[in-house]
Amino acid sequence: MLAACGKAFLEETPKGSVLPATFYKNASDLNQATRGIALMFNGAWNQTGGMAITFGADDITTHRGGNKISFSDFDTYQANSSNDRMTNWWIYFYRTIKSANSLIANYENATEATADERSFAGGEAYFYRAICYFFLTRAWGEVPLVTEPGIDPDRPNEKVPQIYDLIVADLKRAETMLPDNWQGLKKQNGVNIAPTKGSAKALLANVYLTMAGWPLQQTDKYALAAAKAKEVLDKKETWGYGLLDNFGDIFKKEGKYNKEAVFACYYNNQVPGGAWENGSQMGPPNFMPGEEGGWDEAFGEITFYNKFPEGPRKEATYRRTYFLNNDVNKPVDYTGLLHKHPYFMKYNDDISYNQTNHSMSDWWGSHTVFVIRFAEVLLTYAEARAMSQSPDNSAYDAINAVRKRAGLKDLAPGLSQSAFRDSVIAERGWEFSGCEPAARWFDLVRTETVARATKDRHASEVPLKNTPDDATHRFYWAPVPVVK
């Protein structure tokens, strides 16, 4: 856990590093810089790799074979600093930060751009730097805190409170500098594909909610989280946010751009000569069984699946019927598969996927990754409002909106503060199960329930190599990677 990090994340890449300060002159320069930052951030999410860290949660697992062992090491609490999967996050988040730092240091020098154009570009840079550090510190705890364009490879790790200080400061800047809505290429089908004021406010609400839990345990942040989430809920029409009527529609290829997205990563693998970061593996191959041509990368844990409430959300989350060798005349349920686990369906509907026989024509796709969904804003508000004051009607309304869409009854009235919170955490687990950025793992860590979640691990799962501890927080943070 104390291994020093390598220096590979400091390497220059043409796509991610905007060169000398003299580059920043006009709006075109600023736009090119923000596009490079967004592209680098996309690279953190276009494969399952970085998400390996979240496999310690009770909703997702894999098998111990071939190149899946690195995922399984997190699932069974035996990952070390040489784990090759987690480095995807480390490398791409720091590349994004490096590019953001360059823009932050220079956007005001673009004197040929308008004041708004400079503000919007700076706001994007602050937003991306904040969200990268948010994932970095939740994954690894103490990490290098770099705020200058040039990076000192010998910089020591920063304490967690100081990292959160920067995250909050950056997001406070971003929410004042970013526009409510974008025009041109940064708005597609009526959806903002670049961060907005609403995105910054929603992320800040999530940050405050996390600060209220472990490791900071600053419970005064519950009130701040509730207030910030309410700003998003009260002005949702301004940004076009809302819940889709059907849960499954969120992930359909026809809904690539939809109002559920508060902030998302968008991909288009059809761009000629496109960069690696413009396409995605976060679609069919990773979440399909080998019997249907998939890679068996990740599937659902049995106990969590059995507890998952029946209804349209569960139907859209997991595949119920599989076709052996893609033969529709050979249907089986998950017990008829080699790994005998339910596979996630909500990531499958991509341009290369055939819904009829569950086959795919290409492993490389354009599936949207929803980093912040509107459902998360609702559940953040519900939990934060309950924990800062009480589970009032507004808190119940927020969680019940998510439950109604999932086909569930309203939450029982009159719950205690702690019981209401537990209900929200459970709801978040079902809503964001699997490889979603709003990972259940982060909820288990901040609520200090990682070990508790392993207590009823199904006998069919790969046995735990080590046991996490909710008192000492053993295995709560990933080992800092050695990047070669």
Protein backbone atom coordinates (compact mmCIF):
# COMPACT_ATOMS: atom_id res chain seq x y z
CA MET A 1 0.00 0.00 0.00
CA LEU A 2 2.97 2.32 0.52
CA ALA A 3 4.67 1.67 -2.81
CA ALA A 4 5.83 4.78 -4.62
CA CYS A 5 4.17 5.71 -7.87
CA GLY A 6 6.01 5.55 -11.16
CA LYS A 7 6.63 8.42 -13.55
CA ALA A 8 4.86 7.23 -16.69
CA PHE A 9 1.85 9.41 -15.99
CA LEU A 10 4.10 12.43 -16.55
CA GLU A 11 4.82 11.54 -20.17
CA GLU A 12 3.77 13.97 -22.86
CA THR A 13 1.05 12.97 -25.31
CA PRO A 14 0.20 15.15 -28.32
CA LYS A 15 -3.55 14.80 -27.75
CA GLY A 16 -3.45 15.63 -24.07
CA SER A 17 -0.88 18.38 -23.77
CA VAL A 18 -1.43 21.81 -25.19
CA LEU A 19 1.99 23.16 -25.87
CA PRO A 20 3.54 26.58 -25.10
CA ALA A 21 1.72 29.40 -23.38
CA THR A 22 1.94 31.32 -26.67
CA PHE A 23 -0.66 28.90 -28.06
CA TYR A 24 -3.50 30.52 -26.14
CA LYS A 25 -4.59 33.50 -28.20
CA ASN A 26 -8.16 33.14 -29.42
CA ALA A 27 -11.39 31.19 -29.04
CA SER A 28 -10.23 28.50 -31.45
CA ASP A 29 -7.15 27.88 -29.33
CA LEU A 30 -9.26 27.63 -26.18
CA ASN A 31 -11.71 25.27 -27.86
CA GLN A 32 -8.90 23.03 -29.06
CA ALA A 33 -7.49 22.94 -25.54
CA THR A 34 -10.82 21.97 -23.94
CA ARG A 35 -11.37 19.30 -26.57
CA GLY A 36 -7.99 17.82 -25.73
CA ILE A 37 -8.85 17.78 -22.02
CA ALA A 38 -12.20 16.09 -22.67
CA LEU A 39 -10.53 13.51 -24.91
CA MET A 40 -8.03 12.61 -22.19
CA PHE A 41 -10.85 12.24 -19.66
CA ASN A 42 -12.70 9.97 -22.10
CA GLY A 43 -9.66 7.68 -22.04
CA ALA A 44 -10.26 6.93 -18.36
CA TRP A 45 -13.71 5.50 -19.15
CA ASN A 46 -13.49 3.77 -22.53
CA GLN A 47 -12.47 0.43 -21.00
CA THR A 48 -13.19 -1.46 -17.79
CA GLY A 49 -9.61 -1.15 -16.48
CA GLY A 50 -9.82 1.64 -13.90
CA MET A 51 -13.14 0.30 -12.65
CA ALA A 52 -11.23 -2.74 -11.34
CA ILE A 53 -10.82 -0.76 -8.11
CA THR A 54 -14.59 -0.92 -7.56
CA PHE A 55 -14.81 -4.72 -7.84
CA GLY A 56 -14.40 -4.92 -4.08
CA ALA A 57 -18.09 -4.02 -3.81
CA ASP A 58 -20.75 -6.69 -3.50
CA ASP A 59 -22.55 -5.96 -6.77
CA ILE A 60 -19.91 -7.00 -9.30
CA THR A 61 -17.43 -9.80 -9.73
CA THR A 62 -15.47 -11.80 -12.30
CA HIS A 63 -13.57 -15.07 -12.61
CA ARG A 64 -9.91 -15.85 -11.96
CA GLY A 65 -8.76 -16.69 -15.43
CA GLY A 66 -6.50 -15.09 -18.00
CA ASN A 67 -6.41 -11.31 -17.91
CA LYS A 68 -9.38 -11.16 -15.52
CA ILE A 69 -7.15 -11.95 -12.54
CA SER A 70 -6.30 -8.28 -12.04
CA PHE A 71 -10.03 -7.54 -11.62
CA SER A 72 -10.46 -10.55 -9.36
CA ASP A 73 -7.59 -9.39 -7.16
CA PHE A 74 -9.65 -6.37 -6.15
CA ASP A 75 -12.79 -8.48 -5.78
CA THR A 76 -10.95 -10.81 -3.37
CA TYR A 77 -8.83 -8.12 -1.64
CA GLN A 78 -5.37 -9.10 -2.79
CA ALA A 79 -4.46 -6.36 -5.28
CA ASN A 80 -0.95 -4.95 -5.13
CA SER A 81 0.87 -1.97 -6.65
CA SER A 82 1.67 -3.93 -9.81
CA ASN A 83 -2.00 -4.38 -10.72
CA ASP A 84 -2.12 -3.48 -14.41
CA ARG A 85 -5.84 -2.66 -14.63
CA MET A 86 -6.08 0.24 -12.19
CA THR A 87 -3.31 2.18 -13.96
CA ASN A 88 -5.76 3.24 -16.67
CA TRP A 89 -7.40 5.64 -14.22
CA TRP A 90 -4.11 6.81 -12.75
CA ILE A 91 -2.54 7.61 -16.11
CA TYR A 92 -5.55 9.22 -17.78
CA PHE A 93 -6.64 11.24 -14.77
CA TYR A 94 -3.18 12.72 -14.38
CA ARG A 95 -2.90 13.41 -18.10
CA THR A 96 -6.23 15.22 -17.89
CA ILE A 97 -5.01 17.17 -14.87
CA LYS A 98 -1.81 18.14 -16.63
CA SER A 99 -3.73 19.54 -19.60
CA ALA A 100 -6.22 21.28 -17.32
CA ASN A 101 -3.37 22.89 -15.36
CA SER A 102 -1.92 24.26 -18.58
CA LEU A 103 -5.22 25.83 -19.57
CA ILE A 104 -5.87 27.21 -16.08
CA ALA A 105 -2.48 28.92 -16.16
CA ASN A 106 -3.05 30.45 -19.57
CA TYR A 107 -6.71 30.92 -20.50
CA GLU A 108 -6.72 34.56 -19.42
CA ASN A 109 -3.93 35.24 -21.93
CA ALA A 110 -6.30 34.54 -24.84
CA THR A 111 -6.88 38.26 -25.43
CA GLU A 112 -8.41 37.67 -28.85
CA ALA A 113 -11.24 35.66 -27.26
CA THR A 114 -14.23 37.23 -25.53
CA ALA A 115 -14.55 37.38 -21.75
CA ASP A 116 -17.22 34.65 -21.89
CA GLU A 117 -15.06 32.42 -24.07
CA ARG A 118 -12.19 32.72 -21.62
CA SER A 119 -14.48 32.10 -18.66
CA PHE A 120 -16.10 29.05 -20.23
CA ALA A 121 -12.74 27.49 -21.11
CA GLY A 122 -11.34 28.13 -17.64
CA GLY A 123 -14.49 26.69 -16.09
CA GLU A 124 -14.11 23.47 -18.05
CA ALA A 125 -10.49 23.14 -16.95
CA TYR A 126 -11.40 23.63 -13.28
CA PHE A 127 -14.25 21.12 -13.59
CA TYR A 128 -12.10 18.42 -15.16
CA ARG A 129 -9.28 18.91 -12.67
CA ALA A 130 -11.76 18.62 -9.80
CA ILE A 131 -13.49 15.49 -11.04
CA CYS A 132 -10.15 13.78 -11.70
CA TYR A 133 -8.91 14.45 -8.18
CA PHE A 134 -12.28 13.35 -6.80
CA PHE A 135 -11.88 9.91 -8.34
CA LEU A 136 -8.17 9.75 -7.54
CA THR A 137 -8.52 10.44 -3.83
CA ARG A 138 -11.56 8.17 -3.42
CA ALA A 139 -9.62 5.38 -5.10
CA TRP A 140 -6.16 5.86 -3.57
CA GLY A 141 -6.49 8.33 -0.70
CA GLU A 142 -3.29 10.37 -0.59
CA VAL A 143 -2.01 11.15 -4.09
CA PRO A 144 0.27 13.79 -5.64
CA LEU A 145 -1.53 17.15 -5.81
CA VAL A 146 -0.32 18.87 -8.96
CA THR A 147 -1.61 22.35 -9.83
CA GLU A 148 1.10 23.67 -12.15
CA PRO A 149 1.59 22.95 -15.88
CA GLY A 150 4.98 21.43 -15.14
CA ILE A 151 5.03 18.35 -12.92
CA ASP A 152 7.63 17.55 -10.29
CA PRO A 153 8.15 13.77 -10.47
CA ASP A 154 9.38 13.72 -6.88
CA ARG A 155 6.34 15.48 -5.45
CA PRO A 156 5.15 13.70 -2.28
CA ASN A 157 1.57 12.61 -1.81
CA GLU A 158 -0.80 15.21 -0.41
CA LYS A 159 -3.09 14.65 2.58
CA VAL A 160 -6.70 13.91 1.79
CA PRO A 161 -8.18 17.07 3.41
CA GLN A 162 -5.97 19.28 1.24
CA ILE A 163 -7.02 17.38 -1.88
CA TYR A 164 -10.68 18.00 -1.06
CA ASP A 165 -9.92 21.67 -0.41
CA LEU A 166 -8.72 21.96 -4.01
CA ILE A 167 -11.66 19.98 -5.38
CA VAL A 168 -14.18 22.24 -3.65
CA ALA A 169 -12.35 25.42 -4.66
CA ASP A 170 -12.16 24.30 -8.28
CA LEU A 171 -15.86 23.44 -8.43
CA LYS A 172 -16.87 26.72 -6.83
CA ARG A 173 -14.96 28.46 -9.59
CA ALA A 174 -16.41 26.18 -12.25
CA GLU A 175 -20.03 26.79 -11.25
CA THR A 176 -19.56 30.55 -11.66
CA MET A 177 -17.54 30.35 -14.88
CA LEU A 178 -19.37 27.71 -16.94
CA PRO A 179 -22.47 28.47 -19.02
CA ASP A 180 -25.92 27.13 -18.31
CA ASN A 181 -26.05 25.75 -21.82
CA TRP A 182 -23.67 25.33 -24.73
CA GLN A 183 -24.14 26.08 -28.40
CA GLY A 184 -22.65 24.46 -31.47
CA LEU A 185 -20.84 21.13 -31.29
CA LYS A 186 -20.92 21.03 -27.49
CA LYS A 187 -24.68 20.52 -27.61
CA GLN A 188 -26.03 17.46 -29.41
CA ASN A 189 -29.72 16.60 -29.79
CA GLY A 190 -30.54 19.20 -27.16
CA VAL A 191 -28.10 17.72 -24.62
CA ASN A 192 -25.02 19.52 -23.31
CA ILE A 193 -22.06 17.23 -23.88
CA ALA A 194 -19.59 19.53 -22.12
CA PRO A 195 -19.87 20.37 -18.41
CA THR A 196 -22.21 23.22 -17.44
CA LYS A 197 -23.05 25.12 -14.28
CA GLY A 198 -25.47 22.31 -13.51
CA SER A 199 -22.76 19.69 -13.89
CA ALA A 200 -20.46 21.58 -11.51
CA LYS A 201 -23.20 22.00 -8.90
CA ALA A 202 -24.16 18.32 -9.08
CA LEU A 203 -20.56 17.22 -8.74
CA LEU A 204 -20.03 19.57 -5.81
CA ALA A 205 -23.08 18.07 -4.10
CA ASN A 206 -21.55 14.59 -4.53
CA VAL A 207 -18.23 15.86 -3.17
CA TYR A 208 -19.87 17.33 -0.07
CA LEU A 209 -21.80 14.11 0.52
CA THR A 210 -18.56 12.14 0.35
CA MET A 211 -16.80 14.56 2.70
CA ALA A 212 -19.52 13.90 5.27
CA GLY A 213 -18.49 10.24 5.37
CA TRP A 214 -15.20 8.40 5.68
CA PRO A 215 -12.39 9.43 5.72
CA LEU A 216 -13.09 13.10 6.52
CA GLN A 217 -16.36 12.56 8.43
CA GLN A 218 -17.20 16.24 8.22
CA THR A 219 -20.89 15.83 8.97
CA ASP A 220 -21.55 19.54 8.52
CA LYS A 221 -21.13 18.86 4.79
CA TYR A 222 -24.49 17.06 4.67
CA ALA A 223 -26.27 20.42 4.76
CA LEU A 224 -24.04 21.77 2.01
CA ALA A 225 -24.66 18.67 -0.10
CA ALA A 226 -28.41 19.00 0.30
CA ALA A 227 -28.37 22.70 -0.55
CA LYS A 228 -26.23 22.22 -3.64
CA ALA A 229 -28.26 19.26 -4.91
CA LYS A 230 -31.43 21.30 -4.38
CA GLU A 231 -30.03 24.02 -6.62
CA VAL A 232 -29.81 21.43 -9.38
CA LEU A 233 -33.27 20.02 -8.71
CA ASP A 234 -34.88 23.47 -8.56
CA LYS A 235 -33.39 24.53 -11.89
CA LYS A 236 -33.45 21.21 -13.71
CA GLU A 237 -35.41 22.75 -16.60
CA THR A 238 -32.60 25.25 -17.14
CA TRP A 239 -30.20 22.42 -17.94
CA GLY A 240 -32.77 20.02 -19.36
CA TYR A 241 -32.30 17.38 -16.66
CA GLY A 242 -34.85 14.74 -15.71
CA LEU A 243 -35.55 11.06 -15.29
CA LEU A 244 -36.44 9.07 -18.38
CA ASP A 245 -39.73 7.25 -18.02
CA ASN A 246 -38.12 3.86 -18.67
CA PHE A 247 -34.87 2.88 -16.97
CA GLY A 248 -33.73 0.75 -19.90
CA ASP A 249 -33.99 3.69 -22.31
CA ILE A 250 -31.04 5.38 -20.63
CA PHE A 251 -28.62 2.90 -22.15
CA LYS A 252 -30.15 2.35 -25.59
CA LYS A 253 -28.09 3.43 -28.58
CA GLU A 254 -31.01 5.58 -29.71
CA GLY A 255 -30.74 7.44 -26.40
CA LYS A 256 -27.03 8.16 -26.67
CA TYR A 257 -27.88 11.75 -25.73
CA ASN A 258 -30.64 12.00 -23.14
CA LYS A 259 -31.83 14.21 -20.29
CA GLU A 260 -30.63 11.78 -17.63
CA ALA A 261 -27.06 12.91 -18.35
CA VAL A 262 -25.85 15.60 -15.96
CA PHE A 263 -22.35 14.86 -17.20
CA ALA A 264 -21.25 12.02 -19.47
CA CYS A 265 -18.45 10.80 -21.72
CA TYR A 266 -19.50 10.49 -25.35
CA TYR A 267 -17.80 8.36 -27.97
CA ASN A 268 -17.95 8.00 -31.75
CA ASN A 269 -15.89 5.16 -33.18
CA GLN A 270 -17.02 6.10 -36.69
CA VAL A 271 -14.76 9.16 -36.87
CA PRO A 272 -12.18 8.48 -39.61
CA GLY A 273 -8.71 8.21 -38.16
CA GLY A 274 -10.14 8.85 -34.72
CA ALA A 275 -8.09 8.72 -31.57
CA TRP A 276 -8.23 5.71 -29.23
CA GLU A 277 -10.14 7.84 -26.74
CA ASN A 278 -12.93 8.42 -29.27
CA GLY A 279 -14.14 4.82 -29.17
CA SER A 280 -15.12 2.56 -26.31
CA GLN A 281 -15.05 -1.01 -25.04
CA MET A 282 -17.60 -0.13 -22.35
CA GLY A 283 -20.29 -1.94 -24.25
CA PRO A 284 -21.18 -5.50 -25.29
CA PRO A 285 -17.85 -7.37 -25.21
CA ASN A 286 -16.99 -6.68 -21.57
CA PHE A 287 -20.40 -7.66 -20.26
CA MET A 288 -21.34 -10.62 -22.44
CA PRO A 289 -20.70 -14.30 -21.64
CA GLY A 290 -18.24 -16.30 -23.70
CA GLU A 291 -21.12 -18.43 -24.94
CA GLU A 292 -22.39 -15.38 -26.85
CA GLY A 293 -18.97 -14.18 -28.00
CA GLY A 294 -18.25 -11.92 -25.02
CA TRP A 295 -15.15 -11.54 -22.87
CA ASP A 296 -16.60 -12.53 -19.47
CA GLU A 297 -15.04 -9.36 -18.03
CA ALA A 298 -17.64 -8.61 -15.37
CA PHE A 299 -20.92 -10.00 -14.11
CA GLY A 300 -23.22 -9.66 -11.13
CA GLU A 301 -22.65 -11.18 -7.71
CA ILE A 302 -25.27 -13.77 -6.81
CA THR A 303 -26.36 -12.47 -3.40
CA PHE A 304 -26.74 -8.90 -4.67
CA TYR A 305 -28.67 -10.15 -7.69
CA ASN A 306 -31.01 -12.15 -5.49
CA LYS A 307 -31.67 -9.13 -3.26
CA PHE A 308 -32.24 -6.81 -6.21
CA PRO A 309 -35.96 -5.91 -6.22
CA GLU A 310 -37.95 -7.30 -9.12
CA GLY A 311 -39.31 -4.84 -11.64
CA PRO A 312 -38.41 -3.03 -14.86
CA ARG A 313 -35.09 -1.78 -13.48
CA LYS A 314 -33.88 -5.30 -12.74
CA GLU A 315 -35.17 -6.48 -16.13
CA ALA A 316 -33.16 -3.76 -17.85
CA THR A 317 -30.05 -4.23 -15.69
CA TYR A 318 -29.46 -7.96 -16.15
CA ARG A 319 -29.83 -10.29 -19.09
CA ARG A 320 -32.32 -13.04 -18.21
CA THR A 321 -32.00 -15.25 -21.29
CA TYR A 322 -28.79 -16.21 -23.11
CA PHE A 323 -28.34 -17.99 -26.44
CA LEU A 324 -25.62 -20.61 -26.57
CA ASN A 325 -23.39 -19.86 -29.56
CA ASN A 326 -25.91 -17.11 -30.45
CA ASP A 327 -28.44 -19.77 -31.43
CA VAL A 328 -31.94 -18.52 -30.56
CA ASN A 329 -33.03 -22.17 -30.38
CA LYS A 330 -30.64 -22.77 -27.48
CA PRO A 331 -31.84 -20.42 -24.71
CA VAL A 332 -30.57 -20.80 -21.13
CA ASP A 333 -30.70 -18.75 -17.98
CA TYR A 334 -27.48 -17.77 -16.21
CA THR A 335 -27.20 -21.16 -14.49
CA GLY A 336 -26.62 -22.68 -17.93
CA LEU A 337 -23.50 -20.58 -18.53
CA LEU A 338 -19.93 -21.59 -17.75
CA HIS A 339 -19.55 -18.99 -15.00
CA LYS A 340 -23.13 -19.37 -13.72
CA HIS A 341 -23.62 -15.68 -12.97
CA PRO A 342 -26.08 -13.09 -14.30
CA TYR A 343 -24.53 -10.70 -16.83
CA PHE A 344 -25.30 -7.01 -17.09
CA MET A 345 -27.54 -6.08 -20.01
CA LYS A 346 -27.68 -2.30 -19.66
CA TYR A 347 -24.34 -1.80 -21.43
CA ASN A 348 -25.08 -4.04 -24.42
CA ASP A 349 -27.15 -1.94 -26.81
CA ASP A 350 -24.46 -0.46 -29.04
CA ILE A 351 -24.17 -0.01 -32.79
CA SER A 352 -22.50 -3.40 -33.25
CA TYR A 353 -24.92 -5.41 -31.11
CA ASN A 354 -27.67 -7.65 -32.45
CA GLN A 355 -30.53 -7.82 -29.95
CA THR A 356 -32.12 -10.75 -31.78
CA ASN A 357 -29.38 -13.34 -31.21
CA HIS A 358 -27.11 -11.42 -28.80
CA SER A 359 -24.17 -11.32 -31.19
CA MET A 360 -21.78 -8.46 -31.87
CA SER A 361 -19.97 -7.52 -35.06
CA ASP A 362 -17.32 -5.30 -33.43
CA TRP A 363 -15.72 -5.10 -30.00
CA TRP A 364 -15.14 -1.35 -30.48
CA GLY A 365 -18.19 0.84 -29.89
CA SER A 366 -19.65 4.23 -29.01
CA HIS A 367 -21.58 3.51 -25.81
CA THR A 368 -22.12 6.60 -23.64
CA VAL A 369 -20.69 6.47 -20.13
CA PHE A 370 -22.91 8.42 -17.72
CA VAL A 371 -20.56 9.87 -15.12
CA ILE A 372 -23.31 11.77 -13.28
CA ARG A 373 -26.95 10.86 -13.81
CA PHE A 374 -29.94 12.88 -12.67
CA ALA A 375 -31.00 9.95 -10.52
CA GLU A 376 -27.81 10.43 -8.53
CA VAL A 377 -28.69 14.07 -7.87
CA LEU A 378 -32.07 12.99 -6.50
CA LEU A 379 -30.54 10.34 -4.24
CA THR A 380 -27.77 12.68 -3.10
CA TYR A 381 -30.39 15.20 -2.07
CA ALA A 382 -32.53 12.57 -0.31
CA GLU A 383 -29.63 11.27 1.79
CA ALA A 384 -28.08 14.64 2.53
CA ARG A 385 -31.41 16.26 3.47
CA ALA A 386 -32.24 13.39 5.81
CA MET A 387 -28.82 13.38 7.46
CA SER A 388 -28.59 17.14 7.87
CA GLN A 389 -32.08 17.60 9.31
CA SER A 390 -34.63 14.81 8.94
CA PRO A 391 -36.25 12.59 6.31
CA ASP A 392 -38.89 15.19 5.39
CA ASN A 393 -41.35 15.10 2.50
CA SER A 394 -38.81 16.51 0.05
CA ALA A 395 -36.33 13.73 0.87
CA TYR A 396 -39.05 11.11 0.42
CA ASP A 397 -40.16 12.70 -2.85
CA ALA A 398 -36.59 12.51 -4.20
CA ILE A 399 -36.01 8.83 -3.47
CA ASN A 400 -39.57 7.87 -4.43
CA ALA A 401 -39.11 9.42 -7.87
CA VAL A 402 -36.28 6.96 -8.49
CA ARG A 403 -38.21 4.05 -6.97
CA LYS A 404 -41.31 4.78 -9.03
CA ARG A 405 -39.30 4.63 -12.25
CA ALA A 406 -37.84 1.33 -11.02
CA GLY A 407 -41.34 -0.13 -10.54
CA LEU A 408 -41.17 -0.06 -6.74
CA LYS A 409 -43.62 1.20 -4.13
CA ASP A 410 -42.91 4.39 -2.23
CA LEU A 411 -40.53 4.06 0.67
CA ALA A 412 -42.26 3.35 3.98
CA PRO A 413 -43.02 6.64 5.77
CA GLY A 414 -41.77 7.50 9.25
CA LEU A 415 -38.30 5.97 8.95
CA SER A 416 -35.59 7.03 11.35
CA GLN A 417 -32.69 9.07 10.03
CA SER A 418 -30.36 6.07 9.90
CA ALA A 419 -32.98 3.74 8.41
CA PHE A 420 -33.76 6.28 5.71
CA ARG A 421 -30.09 6.66 4.91
CA ASP A 422 -29.67 2.88 4.65
CA SER A 423 -32.60 2.82 2.23
CA VAL A 424 -30.97 5.46 0.05
CA ILE A 425 -27.66 3.56 0.00
CA ALA A 426 -29.50 0.40 -1.02
CA GLU A 427 -31.37 2.32 -3.72
CA ARG A 428 -28.11 3.74 -5.07
CA GLY A 429 -26.69 0.23 -5.23
CA TRP A 430 -29.55 -1.04 -7.37
CA GLU A 431 -29.73 2.07 -9.54
CA PHE A 432 -26.00 2.16 -10.34
CA SER A 433 -25.06 -1.52 -10.09
CA GLY A 434 -22.17 -2.72 -12.20
CA CYS A 435 -19.59 -0.60 -13.99
CA GLU A 436 -21.16 2.81 -13.55
CA PRO A 437 -19.03 5.74 -12.34
CA ALA A 438 -21.46 6.23 -9.42
CA ALA A 439 -20.02 2.95 -8.19
CA ARG A 440 -21.44 1.14 -5.16
CA TRP A 441 -17.86 0.71 -3.96
CA PHE A 442 -17.56 4.41 -3.15
CA ASP A 443 -20.81 4.27 -1.14
CA LEU A 444 -19.56 1.30 0.89
CA VAL A 445 -16.27 3.10 1.60
CA ARG A 446 -17.78 6.41 2.71
CA THR A 447 -20.35 4.64 4.90
CA GLU A 448 -17.71 2.26 6.34
CA THR A 449 -19.63 -0.85 5.35
CA VAL A 450 -17.20 -2.65 3.03
CA ALA A 451 -16.67 -5.59 5.38
CA ARG A 452 -20.35 -5.77 6.25
CA ALA A 453 -21.20 -6.13 2.57
CA THR A 454 -18.97 -9.21 2.30
CA LYS A 455 -20.66 -11.07 5.16
CA ASP A 456 -23.23 -12.83 3.02
CA ARG A 457 -21.00 -13.45 0.00
CA HIS A 458 -22.46 -16.36 -1.93
CA ALA A 459 -20.65 -19.70 -1.70
CA SER A 460 -20.31 -19.81 -5.48
CA GLU A 461 -18.14 -16.67 -5.58
CA VAL A 462 -14.36 -16.83 -5.69
CA PRO A 463 -13.31 -17.06 -2.01
CA LEU A 464 -11.84 -13.93 -0.42
CA LYS A 465 -8.06 -14.00 -0.10
CA ASN A 466 -8.11 -11.31 2.59
CA THR A 467 -10.82 -9.72 4.67
CA PRO A 468 -11.52 -5.99 4.77
CA ASP A 469 -12.07 -4.28 8.12
CA ASP A 470 -14.59 -1.50 8.70
CA ALA A 471 -12.88 -0.40 11.92
CA THR A 472 -9.31 -0.13 10.62
CA HIS A 473 -10.39 0.55 7.01
CA ARG A 474 -8.10 -2.14 5.71
CA PHE A 475 -8.41 -2.46 1.92
CA TYR A 476 -10.51 0.69 1.65
CA TRP A 477 -7.94 2.34 -0.61
CA ALA A 478 -6.18 0.79 -3.56
CA PRO A 479 -2.39 0.38 -3.48
CA VAL A 480 -0.68 3.27 -5.28
CA PRO A 481 0.35 1.88 -8.66
CA VAL A 482 3.83 1.44 -9.99
CA VAL A 483 3.44 2.70 -13.54
CA LYS A 484 6.10 1.55 -15.95
